[in-house]
Structure formats: structure tokens, C-alpha cells
PDB file of N, CA and C in Angstrom:
ATOM      1  N   MET A   1      -9.528 112.496 247.747  1.00  0.00           N
ATOM      2  CA  MET A   1     -10.146 111.498 248.923  1.00  0.00           C
ATOM      3  C   MET A   1      -8.960 111.495 249.859  1.00  0.00           C
ATOM      4  N   ILE A   2      -9.939 110.988 251.175  1.00  0.00           N
ATOM      5  CA  ILE A   2      -8.669 110.504 252.069  1.00  0.00           C
ATOM      6  C   ILE A   2      -8.716 109.050 252.445  1.00  0.00           C
ATOM      7  N   LEU A   3      -7.425 108.494 252.026  1.00  0.00           N
ATOM      8  CA  LEU A   3      -7.776 106.860 252.321  1.00  0.00           C
ATOM      9  C   LEU A   3      -6.197 106.639 253.288  1.00  0.00           C
ATOM     10  N   ASN A   4      -6.803 105.789 254.244  1.00  0.00           N
ATOM     11  CA  ASN A   4      -5.712 105.557 255.310  1.00  0.00           C
ATOM     12  C   ASN A   4      -4.813 106.779 255.578  1.00  0.00           C
ATOM     13  N   GLY A   5      -5.745 107.973 255.900  1.00  0.00           N
ATOM     14  CA  GLY A   5      -5.118 108.953 256.544  1.00  0.00           C
ATOM     15  C   GLY A   5      -4.542 110.025 255.601  1.00  0.00           C
ATOM     16  N   LYS A   6      -4.164 109.409 254.413  1.00  0.00           N
ATOM     17  CA  LYS A   6      -3.349 110.072 253.167  1.00  0.00           C
ATOM     18  C   LYS A   6      -4.482 110.607 252.172  1.00  0.00           C
ATOM     19  N   ILE A   7      -4.104 111.860 251.595  1.00  0.00           N
ATOM     20  CA  ILE A   7      -4.665 112.239 250.540  1.00  0.00           C
ATOM     21  C   ILE A   7      -4.534 111.380 249.308  1.00  0.00           C
ATOM     22  N   GLU A   8      -5.278 111.152 248.588  1.00  0.00           N
ATOM     23  CA  GLU A   8      -5.019 110.231 247.242  1.00  0.00           C
ATOM     24  C   GLU A   8      -6.314 110.729 246.402  1.00  0.00           C
ATOM     25  N   TYR A   9      -5.587 110.377 244.850  1.00  0.00           N
ATOM     26  CA  TYR A   9      -6.474 111.069 243.813  1.00  0.00           C
ATOM     27  C   TYR A   9      -6.911 109.661 242.981  1.00  0.00           C
ATOM     28  N   GLY A  10      -7.975 109.914 242.422  1.00  0.00           N
ATOM     29  CA  GLY A  10      -8.396 108.441 242.095  1.00  0.00           C
ATOM     30  C   GLY A  10      -9.605 109.069 240.866  1.00  0.00           C
ATOM     31  N   GLU A  11     -10.257 108.276 240.030  1.00  0.00           N
ATOM     32  CA  GLU A  11     -11.204 108.349 239.360  1.00  0.00           C
ATOM     33  C   GLU A  11     -12.715 107.700 239.402  1.00  0.00           C
ATOM     34  N   VAL A  12     -13.814 108.342 239.993  1.00  0.00           N
ATOM     35  CA  VAL A  12     -14.790 107.637 240.397  1.00  0.00           C
ATOM     36  C   VAL A  12     -15.249 106.585 239.239  1.00  0.00           C
ATOM     37  N   GLN A  13     -15.628 105.398 239.233  1.00  0.00           N
ATOM     38  CA  GLN A  13     -16.274 104.721 238.265  1.00  0.00           C
ATOM     39  C   GLN A  13     -17.676 104.467 238.310  1.00  0.00           C
ATOM     40  N   PHE A  14     -18.151 104.518 240.120  1.00  0.00           N
ATOM     41  CA  PHE A  14     -19.453 104.540 239.791  1.00  0.00           C
ATOM     42  C   PHE A  14     -19.810 104.821 241.373  1.00  0.00           C
ATOM     43  N   TYR A  15     -21.095 105.214 241.731  1.00  0.00           N
ATOM     44  CA  TYR A  15     -21.511 105.216 243.283  1.00  0.00           C
ATOM     45  C   TYR A  15     -22.644 104.231 243.646  1.00  0.00           C
ATOM     46  N   PHE A  16     -22.668 103.616 244.528  1.00  0.00           N
ATOM     47  CA  PHE A  16     -23.835 103.058 244.922  1.00  0.00           C
ATOM     48  C   PHE A  16     -24.343 103.351 246.401  1.00  0.00           C
ATOM     49  N   LEU A  17     -25.347 102.536 246.576  1.00  0.00           N
ATOM     50  CA  LEU A  17     -26.191 102.794 247.987  1.00  0.00           C
ATOM     51  C   LEU A  17     -25.981 101.549 248.612  1.00  0.00           C
ATOM     52  N   GLN A  18     -25.387 101.322 250.067  1.00  0.00           N
ATOM     53  CA  GLN A  18     -25.537 100.029 250.647  1.00  0.00           C
ATOM     54  C   GLN A  18     -26.568  99.842 251.466  1.00  0.00           C
ATOM     55  N   PHE A  19     -27.736  98.999 251.393  1.00  0.00           N
ATOM     56  CA  PHE A  19     -28.802  98.682 252.536  1.00  0.00           C
ATOM     57  C   PHE A  19     -28.221  97.659 253.614  1.00  0.00           C
ATOM     58  N   THR A  20     -28.223  97.790 254.632  1.00  0.00           N
ATOM     59  CA  THR A  20     -27.949  96.564 255.976  1.00  0.00           C
ATOM     60  C   THR A  20     -29.412  96.791 256.279  1.00  0.00           C
ATOM     61  N   THR A  21     -29.760  95.106 256.498  1.00  0.00           N
ATOM     62  CA  THR A  21     -30.896  94.684 256.955  1.00  0.00           C
ATOM     63  C   THR A  21     -30.770  93.758 258.112  1.00  0.00           C
ATOM     64  N   ASP A  22     -31.535  93.511 259.001  1.00  0.00           N
ATOM     65  CA  ASP A  22     -31.446  92.748 259.942  1.00  0.00           C
ATOM     66  C   ASP A  22     -32.409  91.748 259.578  1.00  0.00           C
ATOM     67  N   SER A  23     -34.013  92.314 259.019  1.00  0.00           N
ATOM     68  CA  SER A  23     -35.028  91.560 258.785  1.00  0.00           C
ATOM     69  C   SER A  23     -35.709  92.434 257.600  1.00  0.00           C
ATOM     70  N   PRO A  24     -36.322  91.727 256.514  1.00  0.00           N
ATOM     71  CA  PRO A  24     -36.847  92.329 255.598  1.00  0.00           C
ATOM     72  C   PRO A  24     -37.531  93.749 255.812  1.00  0.00           C
ATOM     73  N   LYS A  25     -38.297  93.926 256.856  1.00  0.00           N
ATOM     74  CA  LYS A  25     -39.245  94.877 257.190  1.00  0.00           C
ATOM     75  C   LYS A  25     -38.359  95.985 257.836  1.00  0.00           C
ATOM     76  N   ASP A  26     -36.937  95.752 258.083  1.00  0.00           N
ATOM     77  CA  ASP A  26     -35.880  96.712 259.228  1.00  0.00           C
ATOM     78  C   ASP A  26     -34.899  97.251 258.459  1.00  0.00           C
ATOM     79  N   LEU A  27     -35.442  98.154 257.295  1.00  0.00           N
ATOM     80  CA  LEU A  27     -34.542  98.849 256.255  1.00  0.00           C
ATOM     81  C   LEU A  27     -33.489  99.657 257.109  1.00  0.00           C
ATOM     82  N   GLU A  28     -32.378  99.775 257.515  1.00  0.00           N
ATOM     83  CA  GLU A  28     -31.714 101.079 257.894  1.00  0.00           C
ATOM     84  C   GLU A  28     -31.437 102.199 256.811  1.00  0.00           C
ATOM     85  N   THR A  29     -31.083 103.352 257.335  1.00  0.00           N
ATOM     86  CA  THR A  29     -30.450 104.399 256.257  1.00  0.00           C
ATOM     87  C   THR A  29     -29.543 103.641 255.390  1.00  0.00           C
ATOM     88  N   PRO A  30     -29.760 103.967 254.558  1.00  0.00           N
ATOM     89  CA  PRO A  30     -28.413 103.484 253.322  1.00  0.00           C
ATOM     90  C   PRO A  30     -27.280 104.429 253.252  1.00  0.00           C
ATOM     91  N   THR A  31     -26.247 103.860 253.135  1.00  0.00           N
ATOM     92  CA  THR A  31     -24.947 104.599 253.181  1.00  0.00           C
ATOM     93  C   THR A  31     -24.471 104.782 251.780  1.00  0.00           C
ATOM     94  N   THR A  32     -23.757 105.825 251.552  1.00  0.00           N
ATOM     95  CA  THR A  32     -23.072 105.743 249.709  1.00  0.00           C
ATOM     96  C   THR A  32     -21.918 105.515 249.759  1.00  0.00           C
ATOM     97  N   HIS A  33     -21.724 104.882 248.981  1.00  0.00           N
ATOM     98  CA  HIS A  33     -19.936 104.451 248.546  1.00  0.00           C
ATOM     99  C   HIS A  33     -20.069 104.694 247.144  1.00  0.00           C
ATOM    100  N   ALA A  34     -18.177 104.582 246.609  1.00  0.00           N
ATOM    101  CA  ALA A  34     -17.963 104.887 245.414  1.00  0.00           C
ATOM    102  C   ALA A  34     -16.789 103.830 245.133  1.00  0.00           C
ATOM    103  N   LEU A  35     -16.786 103.204 243.966  1.00  0.00           N
ATOM    104  CA  LEU A  35     -15.876 102.538 243.588  1.00  0.00           C
ATOM    105  C   LEU A  35     -14.848 103.468 242.596  1.00  0.00           C
ATOM    106  N   VAL A  36     -13.734 103.651 243.263  1.00  0.00           N
ATOM    107  CA  VAL A  36     -12.851 104.475 242.529  1.00  0.00           C
ATOM    108  C   VAL A  36     -11.597 103.627 242.557  1.00  0.00           C
ATOM    109  N   SER A  37     -11.128 104.245 241.058  1.00  0.00           N
ATOM    110  CA  SER A  37      -9.694 103.345 240.337  1.00  0.00           C
ATOM    111  C   SER A  37      -8.625 104.815 241.022  1.00  0.00           C
ATOM    112  N   VAL A  38      -8.031 104.434 241.902  1.00  0.00           N
ATOM    113  CA  VAL A  38      -7.022 105.185 242.852  1.00  0.00           C
ATOM    114  C   VAL A  38      -5.517 105.538 241.973  1.00  0.00           C
ATOM    115  N   TYR A  39      -5.194 106.548 241.630  1.00  0.00           N
ATOM    116  CA  TYR A  39      -4.293 106.697 240.886  1.00  0.00           C
ATOM    117  C   TYR A  39      -2.794 106.634 241.824  1.00  0.00           C
ATOM    118  N   SER A  40      -1.843 106.466 241.159  1.00  0.00           N
ATOM    119  CA  SER A  40      -0.314 106.522 241.829  1.00  0.00           C
ATOM    120  C   SER A  40      -0.169 107.586 242.270  1.00  0.00           C
ATOM    121  N   ARG A  41       0.567 107.918 243.420  1.00  0.00           N
ATOM    122  CA  ARG A  41       1.221 108.880 244.324  1.00  0.00           C
ATOM    123  C   ARG A  41       2.162 109.761 243.395  1.00  0.00           C
ATOM    124  N   PRO A  42       1.922 110.915 243.568  1.00  0.00           N
ATOM    125  CA  PRO A  42       2.482 111.756 242.495  1.00  0.00           C
ATOM    126  C   PRO A  42       3.959 111.901 242.114  1.00  0.00           C
ATOM    127  N   VAL A  43       4.651 112.140 240.965  1.00  0.00           N
ATOM    128  CA  VAL A  43       5.622 111.802 240.600  1.00  0.00           C
ATOM    129  C   VAL A  43       6.640 112.603 241.341  1.00  0.00           C
ATOM    130  N   GLN A  44       7.465 112.694 242.299  1.00  0.00           N
ATOM    131  CA  GLN A  44       8.311 113.658 243.147  1.00  0.00           C
ATOM    132  C   GLN A  44       9.480 114.490 242.259  1.00  0.00           C
ATOM    133  N   ALA A  45       9.684 114.025 241.152  1.00  0.00           N
ATOM    134  CA  ALA A  45      10.793 114.832 240.325  1.00  0.00           C
ATOM    135  C   ALA A  45       9.921 116.108 239.700  1.00  0.00           C
ATOM    136  N   LEU A  46       8.731 115.793 239.510  1.00  0.00           N
ATOM    137  CA  LEU A  46       7.849 116.619 238.600  1.00  0.00           C
ATOM    138  C   LEU A  46       7.720 117.397 239.335  1.00  0.00           C
ATOM    139  N   LEU A  47       6.981 116.827 240.593  1.00  0.00           N
ATOM    140  CA  LEU A  47       6.297 117.802 241.748  1.00  0.00           C
ATOM    141  C   LEU A  47       7.544 118.944 242.323  1.00  0.00           C
ATOM    142  N   VAL A  48       8.539 118.368 242.473  1.00  0.00           N
ATOM    143  CA  VAL A  48       9.565 119.469 242.976  1.00  0.00           C
ATOM    144  C   VAL A  48      10.102 120.166 242.055  1.00  0.00           C
ATOM    145  N   GLU A  49      10.572 119.758 240.744  1.00  0.00           N
ATOM    146  CA  GLU A  49      10.861 120.777 239.381  1.00  0.00           C
ATOM    147  C   GLU A  49       9.674 121.875 239.360  1.00  0.00           C
ATOM    148  N   SER A  50       8.446 121.617 239.283  1.00  0.00           N
ATOM    149  CA  SER A  50       7.504 122.543 239.149  1.00  0.00           C
ATOM    150  C   SER A  50       6.982 123.240 240.332  1.00  0.00           C
ATOM    151  N   SER A  51       7.575 122.995 241.767  1.00  0.00           N
ATOM    152  CA  SER A  51       7.199 124.088 242.657  1.00  0.00           C
ATOM    153  C   SER A  51       6.155 123.710 243.495  1.00  0.00           C
ATOM    154  N   ASN A  52       5.769 122.598 243.099  1.00  0.00           N
ATOM    155  CA  ASN A  52       4.424 121.708 243.785  1.00  0.00           C
ATOM    156  C   ASN A  52       3.436 122.289 242.943  1.00  0.00           C
ATOM    157  N   THR A  53       3.442 122.533 241.785  1.00  0.00           N
ATOM    158  CA  THR A  53       2.234 123.050 240.632  1.00  0.00           C
ATOM    159  C   THR A  53       1.975 122.156 240.123  1.00  0.00           C
ATOM    160  N   LEU A  54       2.811 120.882 239.476  1.00  0.00           N
ATOM    161  CA  LEU A  54       2.317 119.944 238.530  1.00  0.00           C
ATOM    162  C   LEU A  54       2.212 118.745 239.379  1.00  0.00           C
ATOM    163  N   TRP A  55       1.039 118.253 239.346  1.00  0.00           N
ATOM    164  CA  TRP A  55       0.801 116.979 240.514  1.00  0.00           C
ATOM    165  C   TRP A  55       0.596 115.614 239.044  1.00  0.00           C
ATOM    166  N   ALA A  56       1.517 115.118 238.609  1.00  0.00           N
ATOM    167  CA  ALA A  56       1.221 114.187 237.687  1.00  0.00           C
ATOM    168  C   ALA A  56       1.445 112.886 238.509  1.00  0.00           C
ATOM    169  N   CYS A  57       0.382 112.222 238.437  1.00  0.00           N
ATOM    170  CA  CYS A  57       0.339 110.615 238.703  1.00  0.00           C
ATOM    171  C   CYS A  57      -0.104 109.801 237.575  1.00  0.00           C
ATOM    172  N   GLN A  58       0.239 108.700 238.033  1.00  0.00           N
ATOM    173  CA  GLN A  58      -0.048 107.350 236.787  1.00  0.00           C
ATOM    174  C   GLN A  58      -1.629 107.020 236.851  1.00  0.00           C
ATOM    175  N   TYR A  59      -2.139 106.891 235.880  1.00  0.00           N
ATOM    176  CA  TYR A  59      -3.467 105.977 235.882  1.00  0.00           C
ATOM    177  C   TYR A  59      -3.094 104.656 236.030  1.00  0.00           C
ATOM    178  N   THR A  60      -3.899 103.913 237.046  1.00  0.00           N
ATOM    179  CA  THR A  60      -3.507 102.617 237.334  1.00  0.00           C
ATOM    180  C   THR A  60      -4.726 101.645 236.777  1.00  0.00           C
ATOM    181  N   GLY A  61      -5.907 102.033 236.046  1.00  0.00           N
ATOM    182  CA  GLY A  61      -7.214 101.508 235.455  1.00  0.00           C
ATOM    183  C   GLY A  61      -7.927 100.624 236.723  1.00  0.00           C
ATOM    184  N   VAL A  62      -7.655  99.224 236.552  1.00  0.00           N
ATOM    185  CA  VAL A  62      -8.802  98.355 237.020  1.00  0.00           C
ATOM    186  C   VAL A  62      -7.736  97.615 238.009  1.00  0.00           C
ATOM    187  N   ASP A  63      -6.316  98.167 237.990  1.00  0.00           N
ATOM    188  CA  ASP A  63      -5.231  97.399 239.037  1.00  0.00           C
ATOM    189  C   ASP A  63      -5.398  97.821 240.233  1.00  0.00           C
ATOM    190  N   ASN A  64      -6.082  98.944 240.749  1.00  0.00           N
ATOM    191  CA  ASN A  64      -6.164  99.669 242.038  1.00  0.00           C
ATOM    192  C   ASN A  64      -7.437 100.146 242.351  1.00  0.00           C
ATOM    193  N   LEU A  65      -8.647  99.271 242.316  1.00  0.00           N
ATOM    194  CA  LEU A  65     -10.058  99.291 242.568  1.00  0.00           C
ATOM    195  C   LEU A  65     -10.318  99.574 243.997  1.00  0.00           C
ATOM    196  N   GLN A  66     -10.836 100.499 244.519  1.00  0.00           N
ATOM    197  CA  GLN A  66     -11.328 100.623 245.802  1.00  0.00           C
ATOM    198  C   GLN A  66     -12.544 101.018 246.231  1.00  0.00           C
ATOM    199  N   VAL A  67     -13.189 100.211 247.094  1.00  0.00           N
ATOM    200  CA  VAL A  67     -14.671 100.776 247.640  1.00  0.00           C
ATOM    201  C   VAL A  67     -14.465 101.742 248.568  1.00  0.00           C
ATOM    202  N   VAL A  68     -14.775 103.114 248.520  1.00  0.00           N
ATOM    203  CA  VAL A  68     -14.881 103.971 249.513  1.00  0.00           C
ATOM    204  C   VAL A  68     -16.294 104.689 249.757  1.00  0.00           C
ATOM    205  N   PRO A  69     -16.086 104.976 251.398  1.00  0.00           N
ATOM    206  CA  PRO A  69     -17.333 105.784 251.656  1.00  0.00           C
ATOM    207  C   PRO A  69     -17.082 106.943 250.883  1.00  0.00           C
ATOM    208  N   LEU A  70     -18.502 107.726 250.837  1.00  0.00           N
ATOM    209  CA  LEU A  70     -18.705 108.645 250.105  1.00  0.00           C
ATOM    210  C   LEU A  70     -17.931 110.025 250.887  1.00  0.00           C
ATOM    211  N   SER A  71     -18.261 109.686 252.471  1.00  0.00           N
ATOM    212  CA  SER A  71     -17.627 110.650 253.071  1.00  0.00           C
ATOM    213  C   SER A  71     -15.905 111.021 253.179  1.00  0.00           C
ATOM    214  N   SER A  72     -15.596 110.007 252.095  1.00  0.00           N
ATOM    215  CA  SER A  72     -13.736 110.027 252.356  1.00  0.00           C
ATOM    216  C   SER A  72     -13.287 111.022 250.936  1.00  0.00           C
ATOM    217  N   ILE A  73     -14.473 111.387 250.235  1.00  0.00           N
ATOM    218  CA  ILE A  73     -14.074 112.181 248.806  1.00  0.00           C
ATOM    219  C   ILE A  73     -14.279 113.524 249.482  1.00  0.00           C
ATOM    220  N   VAL A  74     -13.156 114.332 249.521  1.00  0.00           N
ATOM    221  CA  VAL A  74     -13.465 115.906 249.878  1.00  0.00           C
ATOM    222  C   VAL A  74     -13.384 116.759 248.806  1.00  0.00           C
ATOM    223  N   ALA A  75     -12.614 116.470 247.580  1.00  0.00           N
ATOM    224  CA  ALA A  75     -13.093 117.195 246.441  1.00  0.00           C
ATOM    225  C   ALA A  75     -13.133 116.648 245.347  1.00  0.00           C
ATOM    226  N   CYS A  76     -13.470 117.594 244.086  1.00  0.00           N
ATOM    227  CA  CYS A  76     -13.589 117.166 242.603  1.00  0.00           C
ATOM    228  C   CYS A  76     -12.753 118.042 242.011  1.00  0.00           C
ATOM    229  N   VAL A  77     -11.765 117.246 241.251  1.00  0.00           N
ATOM    230  CA  VAL A  77     -10.675 118.051 240.496  1.00  0.00           C
ATOM    231  C   VAL A  77     -10.665 117.740 238.787  1.00  0.00           C
ATOM    232  N   SER A  78     -10.123 118.483 238.205  1.00  0.00           N
ATOM    233  CA  SER A  78     -10.261 118.209 236.860  1.00  0.00           C
ATOM    234  C   SER A  78      -8.676 117.155 236.537  1.00  0.00           C
ATOM    235  N   VAL A  79      -8.880 116.526 236.013  1.00  0.00           N
ATOM    236  CA  VAL A  79      -8.012 115.499 235.890  1.00  0.00           C
ATOM    237  C   VAL A  79      -7.644 115.570 234.115  1.00  0.00           C
ATOM    238  N   GLN A  80      -6.562 116.034 233.564  1.00  0.00           N
ATOM    239  CA  GLN A  80      -5.918 116.171 232.258  1.00  0.00           C
ATOM    240  C   GLN A  80      -4.834 115.051 231.772  1.00  0.00           C
ATOM    241  N   PRO A  81      -4.664 114.357 230.679  1.00  0.00           N
ATOM    242  CA  PRO A  81      -3.927 113.622 230.368  1.00  0.00           C
ATOM    243  C   PRO A  81      -2.395 114.220 230.238  1.00  0.00           C
ATOM    244  N   LEU A  82      -1.643 114.183 230.376  1.00  0.00           N
ATOM    245  CA  LEU A  82      -0.112 115.078 230.309  1.00  0.00           C
ATOM    246  C   LEU A  82       0.701 114.587 228.933  1.00  0.00           C
ATOM    247  N   PRO A  83       0.613 115.414 228.200  1.00  0.00           N
ATOM    248  CA  PRO A  83       1.641 115.106 226.944  1.00  0.00           C
ATOM    249  C   PRO A  83       2.595 114.659 227.391  1.00  0.00           C
ATOM    250  N   PRO A  84       2.972 113.322 226.698  1.00  0.00           N
ATOM    251  CA  PRO A  84       4.357 112.713 226.903  1.00  0.00           C
ATOM    252  C   PRO A  84       5.481 113.016 226.477  1.00  0.00           C
ATOM    253  N   LEU A  85       6.314 113.510 227.093  1.00  0.00           N
ATOM    254  CA  LEU A  85       7.947 113.359 226.765  1.00  0.00           C
ATOM    255  C   LEU A  85       8.855 112.150 226.704  1.00  0.00           C
ATOM    256  N   PRO A  86       9.776 112.058 225.881  1.00  0.00           N
ATOM    257  CA  PRO A  86      10.393 110.530 225.866  1.00  0.00           C
ATOM    258  C   PRO A  86      10.755 109.757 226.695  1.00  0.00           C
ATOM    259  N   ASP A  87      10.944 110.438 228.099  1.00  0.00           N
ATOM    260  CA  ASP A  87      11.553 109.594 228.938  1.00  0.00           C
ATOM    261  C   ASP A  87      10.435 109.481 229.857  1.00  0.00           C
ATOM    262  N   ASP A  88       9.065 109.843 229.668  1.00  0.00           N
ATOM    263  CA  ASP A  88       8.211 109.924 230.634  1.00  0.00           C
ATOM    264  C   ASP A  88       7.415 108.306 230.792  1.00  0.00           C
ATOM    265  N   PRO A  89       7.162 108.042 231.762  1.00  0.00           N
ATOM    266  CA  PRO A  89       6.359 106.463 232.086  1.00  0.00           C
ATOM    267  C   PRO A  89       5.180 106.651 231.356  1.00  0.00           C
ATOM    268  N   PRO A  90       4.119 105.983 230.830  1.00  0.00           N
ATOM    269  CA  PRO A  90       2.839 106.262 229.904  1.00  0.00           C
ATOM    270  C   PRO A  90       1.477 106.249 230.907  1.00  0.00           C
ATOM    271  N   GLY A  91       0.483 107.038 230.817  1.00  0.00           N
ATOM    272  CA  GLY A  91      -0.521 107.337 231.277  1.00  0.00           C
ATOM    273  C   GLY A  91      -0.414 108.720 232.592  1.00  0.00           C
ATOM    274  N   LEU A  92       0.308 109.540 232.419  1.00  0.00           N
ATOM    275  CA  LEU A  92       0.408 110.228 233.379  1.00  0.00           C
ATOM    276  C   LEU A  92      -0.550 111.438 233.145  1.00  0.00           C
TER     277      LEU A  92
END
């Protein structure tokens, strides 16, 4: 997704519609949003060592929830847990 002009990765928790009304009889076209748990930036050492093929990000859970417009989501990717090595931070 694009957040603040940068590509970010995250996990969509759910999607929802927002209706804006000036009066009960005047419903506007709804806008679609998603609640997203935004991952950390990729671990640079792993990214460089893998020639930009391993994008290991740390899962932040509920610590970095953001509501984003659906239009900011530009692609869906599969994210798999990285088997931890002794010196790795948890949750990559």
C-alpha cells in the first residue's frame, strides 16, 4: 500500500464502508476503507544480503493499526513467517 508517499506492507484486519450524510435522506456514495496492521520497514541487512529478494518485516500486531482508503492498497502479496535464527528478532 502507499502511505505518506511510501510503499508499506501490512495485514488487512477488515474492510468497511463510510457513509457521509448531510441529512438522513441525502446519502452520498460510500467510500471504502480498510483497518490495516502496518508492518515494520524491511530489515536492511537481510535485504542487502539477499540482493533485494528477502523482504523480512516485523509484524507489529495492534501496535500500528491504521485506517487507510481502499485506493491506497496497490497489491496483495503472500506473507509467510520467517523461520527464526538465533540472532533474529521475533515475528519476522
